[in-house]
Amino acid sequence: QVNIVDSGGDLVQSGGSLRLSCEASRSIYSFYVMGWYRQVPGKQRELVATITTDDTIKYSDSVKGRFIISRDNAKNMVYLQMNSLKPEDTAVYYCNADSEGLGIDDYWGQGTRVTVSS
């Protein structure tokens, strides 16, 4: 069993910054892809950013240039630095650890809420 714990969500003003953290209970080397997703009520969960074991990074167009995903392999941590936050970034953010990048053998955090006020 793998535990994924995500944290760092908060209420922040538009234009502000937050850093989300994701901690895995085992080495993140065992997951080909680590990523952040977000979901608002009534909508599907959407990809925000992913990072692979060889540090290939992907961002959604809506956050490109504002968010930065990074990993600390020694601490089994993945981070999402969110800058220039907008009200439309308001969502519950989830960390995902995917063993093969196929969405078959993957694990989710419990979610952390980010609210951006205008």
N, C-alpha and C. Protein backbone atom coordinates (compact mmCIF):
# COMPACT_ATOMS: atom_id res chain seq x y z
N GLN A 1 0.85 -1.19 0.00
CA GLN A 1 0.00 0.00 0.00
C GLN A 1 0.88 1.24 0.00
N VAL A 2 0.51 2.21 -0.82
CA VAL A 2 1.26 3.46 -0.93
C VAL A 2 0.39 4.58 -0.42
N ASN A 3 0.95 5.42 0.40
CA ASN A 3 0.25 6.61 0.87
C ASN A 3 0.82 7.84 0.20
N ILE A 4 -0.07 8.66 -0.32
CA ILE A 4 0.31 9.93 -0.93
C ILE A 4 -0.37 11.02 -0.11
N VAL A 5 0.40 11.94 0.41
CA VAL A 5 -0.14 13.02 1.23
C VAL A 5 0.18 14.34 0.58
N ASP A 6 -0.87 15.04 0.19
CA ASP A 6 -0.65 16.37 -0.39
C ASP A 6 -1.11 17.44 0.59
N SER A 7 -0.43 18.58 0.54
CA SER A 7 -0.69 19.65 1.50
C SER A 7 -0.27 20.99 0.92
N GLY A 8 -0.60 22.05 1.65
CA GLY A 8 -0.15 23.38 1.26
C GLY A 8 -1.25 24.28 0.73
N GLY A 9 -2.43 23.75 0.53
CA GLY A 9 -3.52 24.58 0.03
C GLY A 9 -3.94 25.63 1.05
N ASP A 10 -4.44 26.75 0.54
CA ASP A 10 -4.81 27.85 1.42
C ASP A 10 -5.66 28.85 0.66
N LEU A 11 -6.10 29.87 1.36
CA LEU A 11 -6.78 31.00 0.75
C LEU A 11 -5.73 32.06 0.46
N VAL A 12 -5.71 32.55 -0.77
CA VAL A 12 -4.71 33.53 -1.18
C VAL A 12 -5.37 34.53 -2.12
N GLN A 13 -4.83 35.75 -2.12
CA GLN A 13 -5.37 36.77 -3.00
C GLN A 13 -4.86 36.59 -4.42
N SER A 14 -5.63 37.09 -5.36
CA SER A 14 -5.22 37.05 -6.75
C SER A 14 -3.85 37.72 -6.91
N GLY A 15 -2.97 37.06 -7.67
CA GLY A 15 -1.62 37.55 -7.85
C GLY A 15 -0.62 36.97 -6.87
N GLY A 16 -1.12 36.29 -5.87
CA GLY A 16 -0.26 35.71 -4.84
C GLY A 16 0.35 34.39 -5.25
N SER A 17 1.07 33.78 -4.31
CA SER A 17 1.77 32.52 -4.56
C SER A 17 1.48 31.51 -3.47
N LEU A 18 1.58 30.25 -3.83
CA LEU A 18 1.47 29.15 -2.89
C LEU A 18 2.39 28.03 -3.37
N ARG A 19 2.85 27.21 -2.41
CA ARG A 19 3.58 26.02 -2.79
C ARG A 19 2.88 24.80 -2.21
N LEU A 20 2.49 23.90 -3.09
CA LEU A 20 1.90 22.64 -2.67
C LEU A 20 2.99 21.58 -2.53
N SER A 21 2.79 20.69 -1.58
CA SER A 21 3.75 19.60 -1.35
C SER A 21 3.05 18.26 -1.44
N CYS A 22 3.78 17.28 -1.91
CA CYS A 22 3.26 15.92 -2.03
C CYS A 22 4.33 14.98 -1.52
N GLU A 23 3.98 14.17 -0.54
CA GLU A 23 4.92 13.22 0.03
C GLU A 23 4.42 11.81 -0.21
N ALA A 24 5.33 10.96 -0.71
CA ALA A 24 5.00 9.56 -0.96
C ALA A 24 5.62 8.70 0.13
N SER A 25 4.94 7.58 0.42
CA SER A 25 5.42 6.71 1.50
C SER A 25 6.51 5.74 1.03
N ARG A 26 6.82 5.79 -0.26
CA ARG A 26 7.95 5.01 -0.74
C ARG A 26 8.70 5.84 -1.79
N SER A 27 9.84 5.37 -2.20
CA SER A 27 10.68 6.12 -3.11
C SER A 27 9.92 6.54 -4.37
N ILE A 28 10.02 7.82 -4.69
CA ILE A 28 9.33 8.29 -5.90
C ILE A 28 10.05 7.84 -7.17
N TYR A 29 11.22 7.24 -7.02
CA TYR A 29 11.87 6.61 -8.18
C TYR A 29 11.01 5.46 -8.71
N SER A 30 10.16 4.89 -7.85
CA SER A 30 9.34 3.77 -8.27
C SER A 30 8.12 4.20 -9.10
N PHE A 31 7.94 5.51 -9.24
CA PHE A 31 6.83 6.03 -10.04
C PHE A 31 7.39 6.75 -11.26
N TYR A 32 7.02 6.27 -12.41
CA TYR A 32 7.54 6.90 -13.64
C TYR A 32 7.09 8.35 -13.75
N VAL A 33 5.86 8.60 -13.36
CA VAL A 33 5.30 9.95 -13.47
C VAL A 33 4.71 10.38 -12.13
N MET A 34 5.07 11.57 -11.69
CA MET A 34 4.41 12.22 -10.56
C MET A 34 3.72 13.46 -11.12
N GLY A 35 2.52 13.73 -10.62
CA GLY A 35 1.82 14.87 -11.18
C GLY A 35 0.85 15.53 -10.23
N TRP A 36 0.41 16.68 -10.65
CA TRP A 36 -0.63 17.43 -9.95
C TRP A 36 -1.83 17.59 -10.88
N TYR A 37 -3.00 17.38 -10.31
CA TYR A 37 -4.26 17.55 -11.01
C TYR A 37 -5.14 18.45 -10.15
N ARG A 38 -6.19 18.99 -10.74
CA ARG A 38 -7.11 19.79 -9.96
C ARG A 38 -8.54 19.56 -10.42
N GLN A 39 -9.46 19.83 -9.52
CA GLN A 39 -10.86 19.60 -9.81
C GLN A 39 -11.73 20.64 -9.13
N VAL A 40 -12.69 21.15 -9.87
CA VAL A 40 -13.71 22.02 -9.32
C VAL A 40 -15.04 21.29 -9.37
N PRO A 41 -15.97 21.63 -8.51
CA PRO A 41 -17.26 20.93 -8.49
C PRO A 41 -17.94 20.96 -9.85
N GLY A 42 -18.44 19.81 -10.26
CA GLY A 42 -19.18 19.72 -11.52
C GLY A 42 -18.31 19.55 -12.75
N LYS A 43 -16.99 19.53 -12.56
CA LYS A 43 -16.09 19.37 -13.69
C LYS A 43 -15.18 18.18 -13.48
N GLN A 44 -14.62 17.70 -14.59
CA GLN A 44 -13.68 16.59 -14.50
C GLN A 44 -12.35 17.05 -13.93
N ARG A 45 -11.68 16.11 -13.31
CA ARG A 45 -10.33 16.40 -12.83
C ARG A 45 -9.44 16.66 -14.03
N GLU A 46 -8.60 17.70 -13.95
CA GLU A 46 -7.76 18.05 -15.08
C GLU A 46 -6.29 18.07 -14.68
N LEU A 47 -5.46 17.76 -15.66
CA LEU A 47 -4.02 17.76 -15.43
C LEU A 47 -3.52 19.19 -15.26
N VAL A 48 -2.63 19.38 -14.29
CA VAL A 48 -1.98 20.67 -14.10
C VAL A 48 -0.52 20.58 -14.55
N ALA A 49 0.19 19.61 -14.01
CA ALA A 49 1.61 19.46 -14.35
C ALA A 49 2.07 18.05 -14.00
N THR A 50 3.01 17.53 -14.78
CA THR A 50 3.60 16.23 -14.49
C THR A 50 5.11 16.30 -14.65
N ILE A 51 5.80 15.39 -13.95
CA ILE A 51 7.24 15.29 -14.05
C ILE A 51 7.60 13.81 -14.00
N THR A 52 8.49 13.39 -14.90
CA THR A 52 8.88 11.99 -14.96
C THR A 52 10.21 11.77 -14.24
N THR A 53 10.59 10.49 -14.15
CA THR A 53 11.85 10.16 -13.48
C THR A 53 13.05 10.74 -14.20
N ASP A 54 12.93 11.01 -15.50
CA ASP A 54 14.04 11.65 -16.22
C ASP A 54 13.81 13.14 -16.36
N ASP A 55 12.94 13.68 -15.49
CA ASP A 55 12.70 15.13 -15.40
C ASP A 55 12.07 15.74 -16.64
N THR A 56 11.34 14.94 -17.39
CA THR A 56 10.53 15.51 -18.46
C THR A 56 9.29 16.13 -17.82
N ILE A 57 9.02 17.37 -18.14
CA ILE A 57 7.95 18.12 -17.49
C ILE A 57 6.90 18.54 -18.51
N LYS A 58 5.65 18.48 -18.06
CA LYS A 58 4.55 18.91 -18.91
C LYS A 58 3.63 19.79 -18.07
N TYR A 59 3.14 20.87 -18.67
CA TYR A 59 2.19 21.76 -18.01
C TYR A 59 0.94 21.92 -18.88
N SER A 60 -0.18 22.15 -18.22
CA SER A 60 -1.36 22.54 -18.98
C SER A 60 -1.16 23.96 -19.48
N ASP A 61 -1.80 24.31 -20.57
CA ASP A 61 -1.64 25.64 -21.13
C ASP A 61 -2.08 26.72 -20.15
N SER A 62 -3.04 26.40 -19.31
CA SER A 62 -3.59 27.41 -18.40
C SER A 62 -2.63 27.81 -17.29
N VAL A 63 -1.62 26.97 -17.02
CA VAL A 63 -0.69 27.30 -15.92
C VAL A 63 0.74 27.51 -16.40
N LYS A 64 0.98 27.26 -17.68
CA LYS A 64 2.34 27.38 -18.22
C LYS A 64 2.85 28.80 -18.01
N GLY A 65 4.08 28.89 -17.48
CA GLY A 65 4.68 30.18 -17.22
C GLY A 65 4.37 30.72 -15.83
N ARG A 66 3.44 30.10 -15.13
CA ARG A 66 3.10 30.56 -13.78
C ARG A 66 3.40 29.52 -12.71
N PHE A 67 3.24 28.25 -13.05
CA PHE A 67 3.45 27.16 -12.09
C PHE A 67 4.76 26.43 -12.42
N ILE A 68 5.38 25.90 -11.37
CA ILE A 68 6.60 25.12 -11.54
C ILE A 68 6.50 23.84 -10.72
N ILE A 69 6.67 22.70 -11.39
CA ILE A 69 6.68 21.41 -10.70
C ILE A 69 8.13 20.99 -10.51
N SER A 70 8.39 20.40 -9.34
CA SER A 70 9.75 19.93 -9.07
C SER A 70 9.69 18.71 -8.16
N ARG A 71 10.81 18.01 -8.06
CA ARG A 71 10.84 16.81 -7.23
C ARG A 71 12.11 16.79 -6.41
N ASP A 72 12.02 16.23 -5.21
CA ASP A 72 13.18 16.01 -4.35
C ASP A 72 13.20 14.51 -4.07
N ASN A 73 14.02 13.81 -4.83
CA ASN A 73 14.04 12.35 -4.74
C ASN A 73 14.48 11.87 -3.37
N ALA A 74 15.39 12.59 -2.75
CA ALA A 74 15.91 12.16 -1.45
C ALA A 74 14.83 12.20 -0.37
N LYS A 75 13.87 13.11 -0.53
CA LYS A 75 12.80 13.26 0.47
C LYS A 75 11.49 12.63 0.02
N ASN A 76 11.48 12.04 -1.17
CA ASN A 76 10.25 11.46 -1.73
C ASN A 76 9.14 12.51 -1.83
N MET A 77 9.52 13.69 -2.25
CA MET A 77 8.59 14.81 -2.31
C MET A 77 8.48 15.36 -3.72
N VAL A 78 7.29 15.83 -4.05
CA VAL A 78 7.06 16.58 -5.28
C VAL A 78 6.37 17.88 -4.88
N TYR A 79 6.75 18.96 -5.55
CA TYR A 79 6.21 20.27 -5.20
C TYR A 79 5.55 20.92 -6.42
N LEU A 80 4.63 21.81 -6.13
CA LEU A 80 4.04 22.64 -7.17
C LEU A 80 4.08 24.08 -6.68
N GLN A 81 4.99 24.85 -7.24
CA GLN A 81 5.08 26.28 -6.93
C GLN A 81 4.09 27.01 -7.84
N MET A 82 3.16 27.70 -7.23
CA MET A 82 2.12 28.38 -8.00
C MET A 82 2.28 29.89 -7.81
N ASN A 83 2.54 30.59 -8.88
CA ASN A 83 2.74 32.03 -8.86
C ASN A 83 1.66 32.72 -9.68
N SER A 84 1.52 34.00 -9.45
CA SER A 84 0.54 34.81 -10.21
C SER A 84 -0.82 34.13 -10.24
N LEU A 85 -1.27 33.72 -9.07
CA LEU A 85 -2.51 32.97 -8.99
C LEU A 85 -3.71 33.80 -9.41
N LYS A 86 -4.66 33.12 -10.05
CA LYS A 86 -5.87 33.75 -10.55
C LYS A 86 -7.08 33.08 -9.89
N PRO A 87 -8.21 33.78 -9.83
CA PRO A 87 -9.42 33.15 -9.25
C PRO A 87 -9.77 31.82 -9.94
N GLU A 88 -9.50 31.72 -11.22
CA GLU A 88 -9.82 30.48 -11.94
C GLU A 88 -8.90 29.32 -11.56
N ASP A 89 -7.88 29.56 -10.77
CA ASP A 89 -7.04 28.48 -10.25
C ASP A 89 -7.66 27.84 -9.01
N THR A 90 -8.74 28.42 -8.52
CA THR A 90 -9.43 27.86 -7.36
C THR A 90 -9.91 26.45 -7.66
N ALA A 91 -9.51 25.50 -6.80
CA ALA A 91 -9.84 24.09 -7.03
C ALA A 91 -9.27 23.28 -5.87
N VAL A 92 -9.64 22.01 -5.85
CA VAL A 92 -8.95 21.06 -5.00
C VAL A 92 -7.84 20.43 -5.85
N TYR A 93 -6.64 20.47 -5.33
CA TYR A 93 -5.47 19.96 -6.05
C TYR A 93 -5.09 18.59 -5.50
N TYR A 94 -4.82 17.67 -6.40
CA TYR A 94 -4.50 16.30 -6.03
C TYR A 94 -3.14 15.91 -6.59
N CYS A 95 -2.35 15.26 -5.77
CA CYS A 95 -1.09 14.68 -6.22
C CYS A 95 -1.36 13.26 -6.71
N ASN A 96 -0.68 12.89 -7.78
CA ASN A 96 -0.82 11.55 -8.36
C ASN A 96 0.56 10.94 -8.56
N ALA A 97 0.67 9.68 -8.20
CA ALA A 97 1.91 8.92 -8.42
C ALA A 97 1.56 7.73 -9.31
N ASP A 98 2.14 7.71 -10.49
CA ASP A 98 1.79 6.70 -11.49
C ASP A 98 3.01 5.84 -11.80
N SER A 99 2.87 4.53 -11.54
CA SER A 99 4.03 3.65 -11.67
C SER A 99 4.57 3.59 -13.09
N GLU A 100 3.67 3.56 -14.09
CA GLU A 100 4.11 3.38 -15.47
C GLU A 100 3.65 4.49 -16.39
N GLY A 101 2.94 5.47 -15.83
CA GLY A 101 2.45 6.56 -16.67
C GLY A 101 1.25 6.18 -17.51
N LEU A 102 0.57 5.10 -17.13
CA LEU A 102 -0.55 4.62 -17.94
C LEU A 102 -1.89 4.81 -17.25
N GLY A 103 -1.88 5.33 -16.03
CA GLY A 103 -3.12 5.51 -15.30
C GLY A 103 -3.74 4.22 -14.81
N ILE A 104 -2.94 3.16 -14.76
CA ILE A 104 -3.45 1.85 -14.34
C ILE A 104 -3.02 1.54 -12.91
N ASP A 105 -1.75 1.70 -12.63
CA ASP A 105 -1.19 1.43 -11.31
C ASP A 105 -0.77 2.78 -10.73
N ASP A 106 -1.75 3.52 -10.25
CA ASP A 106 -1.42 4.85 -9.74
C ASP A 106 -2.13 5.10 -8.41
N TYR A 107 -1.68 6.14 -7.74
CA TYR A 107 -2.15 6.45 -6.40
C TYR A 107 -2.40 7.94 -6.29
N TRP A 108 -3.45 8.28 -5.49
CA TRP A 108 -3.85 9.68 -5.36
C TRP A 108 -3.74 10.15 -3.91
N GLY A 109 -3.40 11.41 -3.75
CA GLY A 109 -3.49 12.05 -2.45
C GLY A 109 -4.94 12.39 -2.14
N GLN A 110 -5.15 12.89 -0.94
CA GLN A 110 -6.51 13.18 -0.49
C GLN A 110 -7.03 14.52 -1.00
N GLY A 111 -6.13 15.32 -1.54
CA GLY A 111 -6.52 16.62 -2.07
C GLY A 111 -6.25 17.74 -1.08
N THR A 112 -5.88 18.89 -1.62
CA THR A 112 -5.66 20.08 -0.81
C THR A 112 -6.33 21.25 -1.53
N ARG A 113 -7.08 22.03 -0.78
CA ARG A 113 -7.92 23.08 -1.39
C ARG A 113 -7.15 24.38 -1.55
N VAL A 114 -7.24 24.92 -2.75
CA VAL A 114 -6.67 26.24 -3.05
C VAL A 114 -7.81 27.17 -3.43
N THR A 115 -7.89 28.28 -2.74
CA THR A 115 -8.91 29.28 -3.04
C THR A 115 -8.22 30.61 -3.32
N VAL A 116 -8.49 31.16 -4.49
CA VAL A 116 -7.89 32.43 -4.88
C VAL A 116 -8.98 33.48 -4.94
N SER A 117 -8.87 34.48 -4.10
CA SER A 117 -9.89 35.53 -4.06
C SER A 117 -9.53 36.66 -5.01
N SER A 118 -10.53 37.28 -5.58
CA SER A 118 -10.29 38.37 -6.54
C SER A 118 -10.18 39.72 -5.84
